[in-house]
Protein backbone atom coordinates (compact mmCIF):
# COMPACT_ATOMS: atom_id res chain seq x y z
CA MET A 1 2.64 -15.28 -4.99
CA THR A 2 2.11 -17.01 -8.42
CA LEU A 3 -1.45 -18.03 -9.46
CA GLN A 4 -1.86 -21.01 -11.52
CA VAL A 5 -4.69 -21.06 -13.98
CA ILE A 6 -6.83 -24.09 -13.47
CA TYR A 7 -9.33 -23.52 -16.25
CA ASP A 8 -9.30 -21.92 -19.49
CA THR A 9 -11.32 -18.64 -19.50
CA ASP A 10 -11.97 -18.75 -23.23
CA GLN A 11 -14.28 -21.82 -22.45
CA LEU A 12 -16.66 -19.80 -20.21
CA HIS A 13 -20.21 -19.38 -21.57
CA PRO A 14 -21.31 -15.63 -21.99
CA GLY A 15 -22.79 -14.33 -18.76
CA GLU A 16 -20.93 -16.62 -16.38
CA LEU A 17 -19.30 -15.17 -13.35
CA LEU A 18 -15.53 -15.01 -12.84
CA GLY A 19 -13.70 -13.96 -9.68
CA ILE A 20 -10.09 -12.54 -9.66
CA VAL A 21 -7.88 -13.03 -6.59
CA VAL A 22 -6.43 -9.85 -5.47
CA PRO A 23 -3.84 -10.81 -2.81
CA GLU A 24 -1.78 -7.69 -2.76
CA SER A 25 -1.43 -4.24 -4.26
CA ARG A 26 2.09 -3.25 -5.57
CA MET A 27 3.12 0.31 -5.41
CA THR A 28 6.40 2.18 -5.74
CA GLY A 29 7.31 5.05 -3.34
CA THR A 30 10.04 7.67 -3.82
CA VAL A 31 12.31 8.76 -1.05
CA ASN A 32 12.97 12.41 -2.11
CA TYR A 33 10.24 14.62 -3.03
CA PHE A 34 10.23 15.83 -6.67
CA GLN A 35 9.00 19.19 -8.01
CA SER A 36 5.61 19.13 -9.75
CA THR A 37 4.87 21.47 -12.73
CA SER A 38 2.54 23.53 -10.63
CA GLY A 39 5.48 24.32 -8.38
CA GLY A 40 4.49 22.04 -5.53
CA MET A 41 6.03 18.95 -4.08
CA ASN A 42 4.73 15.58 -5.00
CA VAL A 43 5.08 11.81 -4.11
CA PRO A 44 3.64 8.88 -5.90
CA HIS A 45 -0.13 8.70 -5.51
CA TYR A 46 -2.14 5.32 -5.51
CA ARG A 47 -5.81 4.37 -5.04
CA VAL A 48 -6.47 1.15 -3.39
CA ASP A 49 -10.03 -0.38 -3.37
CA LEU A 50 -10.67 -2.91 -0.61
CA TYR A 51 -13.81 -4.63 0.60
CA ILE A 52 -14.49 -4.05 4.37
CA ASN A 53 -13.55 -7.04 6.47
CA ASN A 54 -11.19 -8.31 3.90
CA ASN A 55 -7.28 -8.87 3.98
CA ARG A 56 -5.04 -7.01 1.71
CA THR A 57 -1.33 -6.95 1.50
CA LEU A 58 0.25 -3.68 0.34
CA ARG A 59 3.58 -4.43 -1.26
CA VAL A 60 5.81 -1.29 -1.74
CA PHE A 61 9.15 -0.87 -3.29
CA ILE A 62 11.09 2.34 -2.42
CA LYS A 63 13.38 4.16 -4.97
CA ASP A 64 15.04 7.46 -5.09
CA GLU A 65 14.19 10.30 -7.38
CA ASP A 66 16.28 8.74 -10.01
CA LEU A 67 14.53 5.44 -9.63
CA ASN A 68 17.42 3.66 -8.03
CA ILE A 69 16.51 1.08 -5.40
CA VAL A 70 16.77 2.34 -1.82
CA ASP A 71 18.23 -0.34 0.43
CA LEU A 72 15.93 -0.51 3.57
CA THR A 73 18.43 -2.38 6.01
CA GLY A 74 17.83 -0.88 9.45
CA ALA A 75 14.82 1.17 8.17
CA THR A 76 11.22 1.40 9.52
CA LEU A 77 8.28 2.19 7.38
CA VAL A 78 4.86 3.21 8.73
CA LEU A 79 1.53 3.17 6.88
CA THR A 80 -1.03 5.66 8.30
CA VAL A 81 -4.62 5.71 7.37
CA ARG A 82 -6.72 8.91 8.15
CA LYS A 83 -10.22 10.02 7.39
CA GLU A 84 -8.88 13.47 6.36
CA SER A 85 -5.65 15.13 5.73
CA GLY A 86 -4.11 16.18 8.99
CA GLY A 87 -6.77 14.17 10.99
CA ALA A 88 -6.21 11.60 13.62
CA ALA A 89 -4.94 8.22 12.48
CA VAL A 90 -7.76 5.62 11.97
CA PHE A 91 -5.06 2.77 12.02
CA THR A 92 -1.47 2.35 11.53
CA LYS A 93 0.86 -0.41 10.26
CA SER A 94 4.65 -0.47 10.96
CA THR A 95 7.35 -2.67 9.63
CA ALA A 96 8.70 -2.82 13.04
CA VAL A 97 5.73 -4.54 14.54
CA ALA A 98 5.24 -8.35 13.79
CA GLY A 99 2.02 -9.05 11.89
CA GLU A 100 1.66 -5.38 10.92
CA GLY A 101 4.28 -5.16 8.29
CA GLN A 102 7.87 -6.23 7.46
CA ILE A 103 10.85 -5.47 5.47
CA GLY A 104 11.04 -7.96 2.59
CA ALA A 105 14.24 -8.02 0.29
CA ALA A 106 15.87 -4.95 2.01
CA ASP A 107 18.39 -4.73 -0.78
CA GLU A 108 15.45 -4.50 -3.34
CA GLY A 109 13.72 -1.81 -1.37
CA GLU A 110 10.81 -4.03 -0.50
CA CYS A 111 8.35 -3.91 2.42
CA PHE A 112 4.83 -5.23 3.12
CA PHE A 113 1.90 -3.95 5.07
CA TYR A 114 -0.92 -6.25 6.26
CA ILE A 115 -4.50 -4.82 6.28
CA LEU A 116 -6.68 -7.24 8.33
CA PRO A 117 -10.38 -7.55 8.45
CA ALA A 118 -10.43 -5.97 12.04
CA ASP A 119 -8.75 -2.80 10.61
CA THR A 120 -11.76 -2.08 8.35
CA ALA A 121 -14.70 -3.55 10.32
CA SER A 122 -15.99 -0.31 11.66
CA LEU A 123 -15.07 1.83 8.58
CA ASP A 124 -16.93 2.89 5.35
CA GLY A 125 -16.03 5.20 2.57
CA GLN A 126 -12.89 6.97 1.46
CA TYR A 127 -9.75 7.47 3.52
CA ILE A 128 -6.37 8.91 2.76
CA PHE A 129 -3.07 6.99 3.56
CA ASP A 130 0.53 7.74 3.53
CA VAL A 131 3.87 5.75 4.01
CA ALA A 132 6.79 7.31 5.90
CA LEU A 133 10.20 5.86 5.80
CA THR A 134 12.63 6.51 8.71
CA THR A 135 16.16 5.39 7.48
CA ALA A 136 18.78 3.65 9.71
CA ALA A 137 20.43 7.28 9.98
CA SER A 138 17.11 8.64 11.43
CA LYS A 139 16.23 10.60 8.32
CA THR A 140 12.36 10.67 7.70
CA TYR A 141 10.60 10.88 4.35
CA THR A 142 7.09 10.57 3.27
CA VAL A 143 7.32 8.25 0.18
CA LEU A 144 3.80 7.45 -0.92
CA GLU A 145 0.26 8.65 -0.47
CA GLY A 146 -3.07 7.74 -1.77
CA ILE A 147 -6.75 6.96 -1.37
CA LEU A 148 -7.97 3.87 0.54
CA ASN A 149 -11.55 3.30 -0.94
CA LEU A 150 -13.37 0.97 1.33
CA LEU A 151 -16.34 -0.77 -0.20
CA GLN A 152 -19.40 -2.79 1.16
CA PRO A 153 -19.47 -6.28 -0.18
CA GLY A 154 -22.09 -6.41 -3.01
CA SER A 155 -21.52 -2.61 -3.92
């Protein structure tokens, strides 16, 4: 999605309000775990701020530990949101379910997840999320994790 500037922001008077469209959040996940300096395993970690009852598209690119693109042909990815680590899923999104997510350009490692207003309507506060990739060869990897910070409008 390309945004076209319809006015020159340099011409705004001091104190005028300006809104910014945030149609998607772009992230990159890694297929294979990599060793952290503290000896544990890490995957890329992101923070996503989202107003409750708003739409957001999460656009994820999957690469391997050498940052080579992973072809997603035949793969399924699942986004899971939980209140706490190891807790029950608050909601999930799958690229295998129309309207929840989809594989974009498979040969570019691209996929999308669609968070809808109904997904966050009864939620508030901070949640954790992860993205799991199951390859066409049935191998599963956690490729991304992060924090979903849900905000009340006006906060």
